[in-house]
Every structure is written in C-alpha cells, then in structure tokens.
Amino acid sequence: MEFEHGYEFTNAEVEDGKTMGILAYILFLIPLLAQRENRFAMFHTEQAIVLCIIAIALSIIGNVSIATCIIPIIASIATIGVFVLWIMGLINAIGGKAKFVPIVGQYGPKLGLCKPGGTAGATSAPPPPPPPPPAS
C-alpha cells in the first residue's frame, strides 16, 4: 500500500503498527521503544514528536513573554492549532493512513525514524556464507 510522499507500507505493517501509531500521539516514547522496527508506527511517531516539540516551544514562548500581553495570546491561539493538528494525526493513525499533518508534518522525516519506500521489515538478503577453507 503506497501513501503520499513515497512511503510504502504493507497491509500487515499497517495493521501491526496501527495501535502503536495511535499510542504515538498519546505518548510517543511507547512506540519509539516498543516497536521501532514498524515503519508505520515510526511514521506516526515522527509526526507526534514534531507536534510535541512545537507545543513545548509555544508553551515556553507563552510563559517567558508574560510581560507583554499579545505574545501569550498568539501562543495560546497557535497551541489550539497544534491541538487540531494532533487530532488530525490521531484520526489518520486510527484510519490506517500515513498522511503528513498539515503545515508541520513535512519536518517529521528529518528525525529519520521512518525511511520512505520499501516495505516494513524488508532487509537486504543476508550475506552469503564464507567459502569453505581450502582443502590441504
């Protein structure tokens, strides 16, 4: 099954990783530690980490600049937008879709957790066994 931006996941990979993809939006450390080999789960983990970083940055900006009135208000409005993006990512994970969340989702692949193309768990063939020692 091919999704946008060149990501390909097998149906089995989507089904196996769907639960961890959902959990990524709740606590991204769970799939990061428990199912690192599932690319579908890692795709959603990347998206969730980007949203978390943005939410933390907005929180810091809103709290540090408390002296001015307008910046915390803008940060609060932007945080609502991040929450909407979080809901969109969660809905995609529930539906078994691998779509970037709008605006910020394209930064997820920069984390390098999920590589586009190929299929999950697909590794190159094992190296051939070494040749037998020469007979003396």
Protein backbone atom coordinates (compact mmCIF):
# COMPACT_ATOMS: atom_id res chain seq x y z
CA MET A 1 0.00 0.00 0.00
CA GLU A 2 1.57 3.32 -1.06
CA PHE A 3 0.85 6.54 0.74
CA GLU A 4 1.73 10.12 -0.06
CA HIS A 5 5.32 11.28 -0.28
CA GLY A 6 6.74 7.91 -1.32
CA TYR A 7 6.01 5.96 1.84
CA GLU A 8 5.00 2.38 1.19
CA PHE A 9 3.58 0.11 3.86
CA THR A 10 2.19 -3.39 3.54
CA ASN A 11 -1.31 -4.06 4.81
CA ALA A 12 0.20 -6.27 7.51
CA GLU A 13 2.56 -3.48 8.55
CA VAL A 14 -0.31 -1.01 8.82
CA GLU A 15 -2.40 -3.43 10.86
CA ASP A 16 0.53 -4.38 13.11
CA GLY A 17 1.54 -0.76 13.63
CA LYS A 18 -1.87 0.86 13.94
CA THR A 19 -2.08 0.54 17.73
CA MET A 20 1.42 1.92 18.19
CA GLY A 21 0.64 4.67 15.67
CA ILE A 22 -2.31 5.70 17.83
CA LEU A 23 -0.22 5.50 21.01
CA ALA A 24 2.40 7.72 19.38
CA TYR A 25 0.02 10.66 19.67
CA ILE A 26 -0.63 9.92 23.34
CA LEU A 27 2.93 9.17 24.46
CA PHE A 28 5.45 8.91 21.63
CA LEU A 29 8.02 7.10 23.78
CA ILE A 30 5.94 3.88 23.81
CA PRO A 31 6.22 3.07 20.08
CA LEU A 32 9.70 4.56 19.98
CA LEU A 33 10.86 1.95 22.47
CA ALA A 34 8.46 -0.93 21.83
CA GLN A 35 8.01 -1.16 18.07
CA ARG A 36 10.93 0.61 16.47
CA GLU A 37 11.01 -1.82 13.52
CA ASN A 38 7.48 -0.98 12.35
CA ARG A 39 7.77 1.87 9.86
CA PHE A 40 4.06 2.74 10.01
CA ALA A 41 4.31 3.24 13.78
CA MET A 42 7.53 5.24 13.33
CA PHE A 43 5.88 7.45 10.70
CA HIS A 44 3.24 8.48 13.23
CA THR A 45 5.86 8.74 15.98
CA GLU A 46 7.73 11.29 13.83
CA GLN A 47 4.57 13.29 13.34
CA ALA A 48 3.78 13.20 17.07
CA ILE A 49 7.30 14.26 18.06
CA VAL A 50 7.15 17.29 15.73
CA LEU A 51 3.80 18.32 17.23
CA CYS A 52 5.16 17.84 20.75
CA ILE A 53 8.23 19.98 20.04
CA ILE A 54 6.03 22.76 18.66
CA ALA A 55 3.66 22.56 21.65
CA ILE A 56 6.58 22.79 24.09
CA ALA A 57 8.08 25.74 22.19
CA LEU A 58 4.75 27.56 22.20
CA SER A 59 4.37 26.91 25.91
CA ILE A 60 7.82 28.34 26.62
CA ILE A 61 7.20 31.37 24.42
CA GLY A 62 3.84 32.00 26.07
CA ASN A 63 5.24 31.73 29.59
CA VAL A 64 8.53 33.58 29.09
CA SER A 65 6.96 36.56 27.40
CA ILE A 66 4.27 37.06 30.04
CA ALA A 67 5.28 40.74 30.38
CA THR A 68 3.70 41.58 27.05
CA CYS A 69 0.05 40.83 26.54
CA ILE A 70 -0.12 39.95 22.85
CA ILE A 71 2.53 37.20 22.61
CA PRO A 72 0.88 34.83 25.13
CA ILE A 73 -2.43 35.31 23.34
CA ILE A 74 -0.86 34.45 19.98
CA ALA A 75 0.91 31.45 21.54
CA SER A 76 -2.38 30.24 23.03
CA ILE A 77 -4.14 30.51 19.67
CA ALA A 78 -1.27 28.66 17.98
CA THR A 79 -1.47 25.96 20.66
CA ILE A 80 -5.12 25.42 19.75
CA GLY A 81 -3.96 24.98 16.15
CA VAL A 82 -1.40 22.37 17.25
CA PHE A 83 -4.17 20.56 19.11
CA VAL A 84 -6.24 20.46 15.91
CA LEU A 85 -3.23 19.07 14.02
CA TRP A 86 -2.76 16.48 16.80
CA ILE A 87 -6.40 15.37 16.35
CA MET A 88 -5.87 15.12 12.58
CA GLY A 89 -2.78 12.94 13.07
CA LEU A 90 -4.61 10.74 15.55
CA ILE A 91 -7.51 10.29 13.11
CA ASN A 92 -5.04 9.33 10.37
CA ALA A 93 -3.43 6.71 12.64
CA ILE A 94 -6.83 5.30 13.61
CA GLY A 95 -7.78 5.08 9.93
CA GLY A 96 -4.52 3.39 8.96
CA LYS A 97 -3.45 6.35 6.84
CA ALA A 98 0.08 7.73 6.58
CA LYS A 99 -0.50 11.38 5.79
CA PHE A 100 1.62 14.26 6.96
CA VAL A 101 -0.21 16.59 9.29
CA PRO A 102 -0.72 19.92 7.52
CA ILE A 103 1.85 22.71 7.77
CA VAL A 104 4.42 20.98 10.04
CA GLY A 105 4.25 17.29 9.09
CA GLN A 106 6.96 17.55 6.44
CA TYR A 107 9.51 18.09 9.22
CA GLY A 108 8.88 14.62 10.67
CA PRO A 109 11.11 12.77 8.18
CA LYS A 110 14.05 14.94 9.29
CA LEU A 111 14.03 12.89 12.50
CA GLY A 112 14.98 9.84 10.43
CA LEU A 113 12.80 7.28 12.23
CA CYS A 114 10.94 6.09 9.12
CA LYS A 115 12.54 5.83 5.70
CA PRO A 116 10.33 6.27 2.61
CA GLY A 117 9.97 3.50 0.07
CA GLY A 118 10.36 -0.22 0.53
CA THR A 119 8.30 -2.31 2.85
CA ALA A 120 8.40 -2.84 6.57
CA GLY A 121 10.93 -5.17 7.93
CA ALA A 122 12.38 -5.60 4.47
CA THR A 123 16.06 -6.07 4.84
CA SER A 124 18.57 -6.99 2.27
CA ALA A 125 19.34 -10.65 1.85
CA PRO A 126 21.81 -11.99 4.38
CA PRO A 127 25.36 -12.14 3.17
CA PRO A 128 26.42 -15.43 1.67
CA PRO A 129 28.30 -17.78 3.97
CA PRO A 130 32.07 -17.60 3.78
CA PRO A 131 33.69 -20.05 1.40
CA PRO A 132 34.97 -23.25 2.97
CA PRO A 133 38.67 -23.30 3.76
CA PRO A 134 40.79 -24.78 1.02
CA ALA A 135 41.49 -28.48 1.41
CA SER A 136 45.10 -29.25 2.10
